Amino acid sequence: MSNNVTINSGIAINTSDITSTKSITNNLEQIMNNIGNNLNPKTSEEGLKMLCKPDEIITRLQEGSKQFEKQVGRQMTYSEMRQMFG
């Protein structure tokens, strides 16, 4: 059985490529969730204390960026940073 699906327009799409793309997307989301969960404040009290320490906020953002780049192999985009850190 072939992995190719032919659409009425005559264009063939390799379904294994679609599956691979979904897998990559799921892995990226998992990496982002892990980084966000590890670096974001766990409680509202912790978050409020961080507001008085902007250096700690910057340090966490930089650490998250380093972890992301190490695991994914590229710098995170602005939208990925917003998704992880709000």
N, C-alpha and C. Protein backbone atom coordinates (compact mmCIF):
# COMPACT_ATOMS: atom_id res chain seq x y z
N MET A 1 0.84 -1.18 0.00
CA MET A 1 0.00 0.00 0.00
C MET A 1 0.88 1.24 0.00
N SER A 2 0.57 2.18 -0.81
CA SER A 2 1.36 3.38 -0.96
C SER A 2 0.96 4.44 0.07
N ASN A 3 1.90 5.30 0.43
CA ASN A 3 1.62 6.42 1.32
C ASN A 3 1.09 7.63 0.56
N ASN A 4 1.02 7.53 -0.77
CA ASN A 4 0.59 8.68 -1.56
C ASN A 4 -0.92 8.71 -1.71
N VAL A 5 -1.49 9.89 -1.63
CA VAL A 5 -2.91 10.10 -1.82
C VAL A 5 -3.05 11.07 -2.98
N THR A 6 -3.83 10.69 -3.97
CA THR A 6 -4.03 11.57 -5.11
C THR A 6 -5.31 12.37 -4.92
N ILE A 7 -5.20 13.66 -5.09
CA ILE A 7 -6.34 14.57 -4.97
C ILE A 7 -6.89 14.83 -6.36
N ASN A 8 -8.15 15.21 -6.46
CA ASN A 8 -8.81 15.42 -7.76
C ASN A 8 -8.00 16.28 -8.72
N SER A 9 -7.23 17.22 -8.21
CA SER A 9 -6.46 18.09 -9.09
C SER A 9 -5.27 17.39 -9.71
N GLY A 10 -5.02 16.16 -9.29
CA GLY A 10 -3.90 15.41 -9.85
C GLY A 10 -2.62 15.59 -9.04
N ILE A 11 -2.67 16.30 -7.93
CA ILE A 11 -1.50 16.51 -7.09
C ILE A 11 -1.41 15.36 -6.10
N ALA A 12 -0.23 14.76 -6.00
CA ALA A 12 -0.02 13.67 -5.05
C ALA A 12 0.60 14.23 -3.78
N ILE A 13 0.09 13.81 -2.64
CA ILE A 13 0.61 14.24 -1.36
C ILE A 13 1.11 13.01 -0.62
N ASN A 14 2.32 13.06 -0.15
CA ASN A 14 2.89 11.97 0.60
C ASN A 14 2.37 12.07 2.03
N THR A 15 1.53 11.16 2.46
CA THR A 15 0.94 11.21 3.80
C THR A 15 1.97 10.99 4.89
N SER A 16 3.09 10.36 4.57
CA SER A 16 4.13 10.20 5.60
C SER A 16 4.74 11.55 5.94
N ASP A 17 4.78 12.50 4.98
CA ASP A 17 5.27 13.85 5.26
C ASP A 17 4.33 14.57 6.22
N ILE A 18 3.02 14.37 6.06
CA ILE A 18 2.04 14.99 6.94
C ILE A 18 2.20 14.44 8.35
N THR A 19 2.36 13.13 8.46
CA THR A 19 2.55 12.49 9.77
C THR A 19 3.83 13.00 10.42
N SER A 20 4.89 13.14 9.63
CA SER A 20 6.16 13.63 10.14
C SER A 20 6.03 15.07 10.65
N THR A 21 5.31 15.90 9.91
CA THR A 21 5.10 17.29 10.31
C THR A 21 4.32 17.36 11.62
N LYS A 22 3.30 16.53 11.77
CA LYS A 22 2.52 16.50 13.01
C LYS A 22 3.41 16.08 14.18
N SER A 23 4.28 15.12 13.95
CA SER A 23 5.18 14.64 14.99
C SER A 23 6.14 15.75 15.43
N ILE A 24 6.69 16.48 14.47
CA ILE A 24 7.60 17.58 14.77
C ILE A 24 6.87 18.66 15.55
N THR A 25 5.65 18.98 15.14
CA THR A 25 4.85 20.00 15.82
C THR A 25 4.57 19.57 17.25
N ASN A 26 4.19 18.31 17.45
CA ASN A 26 3.93 17.80 18.80
C ASN A 26 5.17 17.86 19.67
N ASN A 27 6.33 17.51 19.09
CA ASN A 27 7.59 17.56 19.84
C ASN A 27 7.92 19.00 20.23
N LEU A 28 7.73 19.94 19.32
CA LEU A 28 8.01 21.35 19.60
C LEU A 28 7.09 21.86 20.71
N GLU A 29 5.82 21.51 20.64
CA GLU A 29 4.88 21.93 21.68
C GLU A 29 5.28 21.34 23.03
N GLN A 30 5.72 20.10 23.04
CA GLN A 30 6.14 19.46 24.29
C GLN A 30 7.37 20.16 24.86
N ILE A 31 8.33 20.48 24.02
CA ILE A 31 9.54 21.18 24.46
C ILE A 31 9.16 22.54 25.05
N MET A 32 8.29 23.27 24.35
CA MET A 32 7.87 24.59 24.81
C MET A 32 7.12 24.49 26.14
N ASN A 33 6.25 23.51 26.27
CA ASN A 33 5.51 23.32 27.52
C ASN A 33 6.45 23.01 28.68
N ASN A 34 7.43 22.15 28.43
CA ASN A 34 8.39 21.79 29.48
C ASN A 34 9.19 23.01 29.95
N ILE A 35 9.68 23.79 29.00
CA ILE A 35 10.46 24.98 29.35
C ILE A 35 9.58 25.97 30.12
N GLY A 36 8.39 26.22 29.60
CA GLY A 36 7.48 27.15 30.27
C GLY A 36 7.12 26.69 31.67
N ASN A 37 6.82 25.41 31.83
CA ASN A 37 6.46 24.87 33.15
C ASN A 37 7.62 24.95 34.13
N ASN A 38 8.84 24.77 33.64
CA ASN A 38 10.00 24.79 34.53
C ASN A 38 10.39 26.21 34.94
N LEU A 39 10.18 27.19 34.08
CA LEU A 39 10.69 28.53 34.35
C LEU A 39 9.63 29.53 34.80
N ASN A 40 8.38 29.30 34.48
CA ASN A 40 7.33 30.22 34.90
C ASN A 40 7.08 30.08 36.39
N PRO A 41 6.62 31.17 37.03
CA PRO A 41 6.31 31.08 38.47
C PRO A 41 5.25 30.02 38.73
N LYS A 42 5.40 29.31 39.84
CA LYS A 42 4.46 28.23 40.17
C LYS A 42 3.23 28.76 40.91
N THR A 43 3.38 29.88 41.59
CA THR A 43 2.26 30.45 42.35
C THR A 43 2.14 31.93 42.04
N SER A 44 1.01 32.51 42.38
CA SER A 44 0.83 33.95 42.17
C SER A 44 1.77 34.74 43.09
N GLU A 45 2.04 34.21 44.28
CA GLU A 45 2.98 34.88 45.19
C GLU A 45 4.37 34.97 44.56
N GLU A 46 4.81 33.86 43.98
CA GLU A 46 6.12 33.85 43.33
C GLU A 46 6.14 34.85 42.17
N GLY A 47 5.06 34.90 41.41
CA GLY A 47 4.96 35.84 40.30
C GLY A 47 5.00 37.28 40.76
N LEU A 48 4.31 37.59 41.84
CA LEU A 48 4.31 38.96 42.38
C LEU A 48 5.69 39.36 42.88
N LYS A 49 6.41 38.42 43.52
CA LYS A 49 7.76 38.71 43.98
C LYS A 49 8.69 38.98 42.80
N MET A 50 8.48 38.26 41.70
CA MET A 50 9.32 38.47 40.51
C MET A 50 9.13 39.85 39.92
N LEU A 51 7.95 40.43 40.06
CA LEU A 51 7.70 41.76 39.52
C LEU A 51 8.61 42.81 40.15
N CYS A 52 9.05 42.55 41.37
CA CYS A 52 9.96 43.46 42.06
C CYS A 52 11.42 43.18 41.71
N LYS A 53 11.65 42.13 40.95
CA LYS A 53 13.02 41.73 40.57
C LYS A 53 13.10 41.53 39.05
N PRO A 54 13.14 42.61 38.29
CA PRO A 54 13.16 42.47 36.83
C PRO A 54 14.35 41.66 36.32
N ASP A 55 15.47 41.67 37.06
CA ASP A 55 16.63 40.89 36.63
C ASP A 55 16.32 39.40 36.63
N GLU A 56 15.49 38.96 37.59
CA GLU A 56 15.12 37.54 37.64
C GLU A 56 14.24 37.17 36.44
N ILE A 57 13.36 38.07 36.06
CA ILE A 57 12.50 37.83 34.89
C ILE A 57 13.36 37.69 33.64
N ILE A 58 14.30 38.61 33.47
CA ILE A 58 15.20 38.57 32.29
C ILE A 58 16.04 37.30 32.31
N THR A 59 16.53 36.92 33.48
CA THR A 59 17.33 35.71 33.60
C THR A 59 16.53 34.48 33.19
N ARG A 60 15.27 34.40 33.61
CA ARG A 60 14.42 33.25 33.24
C ARG A 60 14.15 33.24 31.74
N LEU A 61 13.91 34.40 31.16
CA LEU A 61 13.69 34.46 29.70
C LEU A 61 14.94 34.02 28.95
N GLN A 62 16.10 34.48 29.40
CA GLN A 62 17.36 34.09 28.75
C GLN A 62 17.62 32.59 28.90
N GLU A 63 17.35 32.05 30.08
CA GLU A 63 17.53 30.62 30.32
C GLU A 63 16.60 29.80 29.42
N GLY A 64 15.36 30.24 29.32
CA GLY A 64 14.41 29.57 28.44
C GLY A 64 14.85 29.61 26.99
N SER A 65 15.39 30.75 26.57
CA SER A 65 15.88 30.89 25.20
C SER A 65 17.04 29.94 24.94
N LYS A 66 17.96 29.84 25.90
CA LYS A 66 19.10 28.93 25.75
C LYS A 66 18.64 27.47 25.68
N GLN A 67 17.71 27.10 26.57
CA GLN A 67 17.20 25.72 26.56
C GLN A 67 16.50 25.41 25.24
N PHE A 68 15.69 26.35 24.76
CA PHE A 68 14.96 26.15 23.51
C PHE A 68 15.95 25.95 22.36
N GLU A 69 16.95 26.84 22.27
CA GLU A 69 17.92 26.75 21.18
C GLU A 69 18.70 25.44 21.25
N LYS A 70 19.04 25.00 22.45
CA LYS A 70 19.80 23.75 22.61
C LYS A 70 18.97 22.55 22.16
N GLN A 71 17.67 22.55 22.49
CA GLN A 71 16.82 21.40 22.18
C GLN A 71 16.31 21.41 20.75
N VAL A 72 16.04 22.59 20.20
CA VAL A 72 15.43 22.69 18.88
C VAL A 72 16.47 22.96 17.79
N GLY A 73 17.57 23.62 18.15
CA GLY A 73 18.61 23.89 17.17
C GLY A 73 18.45 25.22 16.46
N ARG A 74 17.57 26.07 16.96
CA ARG A 74 17.40 27.41 16.40
C ARG A 74 16.88 28.32 17.49
N GLN A 75 16.95 29.63 17.23
CA GLN A 75 16.40 30.58 18.19
C GLN A 75 14.88 30.54 18.13
N MET A 76 14.25 30.82 19.27
CA MET A 76 12.79 30.85 19.29
C MET A 76 12.29 32.12 18.63
N THR A 77 11.11 32.03 18.08
CA THR A 77 10.47 33.21 17.50
C THR A 77 9.79 34.00 18.60
N TYR A 78 9.40 35.22 18.28
CA TYR A 78 8.70 36.05 19.25
C TYR A 78 7.41 35.38 19.69
N SER A 79 6.67 34.82 18.75
CA SER A 79 5.39 34.19 19.11
C SER A 79 5.61 32.95 19.98
N GLU A 80 6.69 32.22 19.77
CA GLU A 80 6.99 31.07 20.63
C GLU A 80 7.35 31.54 22.04
N MET A 81 8.10 32.62 22.14
CA MET A 81 8.44 33.18 23.44
C MET A 81 7.17 33.63 24.17
N ARG A 82 6.26 34.28 23.46
CA ARG A 82 5.01 34.73 24.07
C ARG A 82 4.15 33.54 24.52
N GLN A 83 4.18 32.48 23.72
CA GLN A 83 3.39 31.30 24.07
C GLN A 83 3.93 30.64 25.34
N MET A 84 5.24 30.61 25.50
CA MET A 84 5.84 29.97 26.66
C MET A 84 5.75 30.82 27.92
N PHE A 85 5.94 32.12 27.77
CA PHE A 85 6.09 32.99 28.93
C PHE A 85 4.96 34.01 29.10
N GLY A 86 4.06 34.10 28.15
CA GLY A 86 2.92 35.00 28.30
C GLY A 86 3.16 36.43 28.00
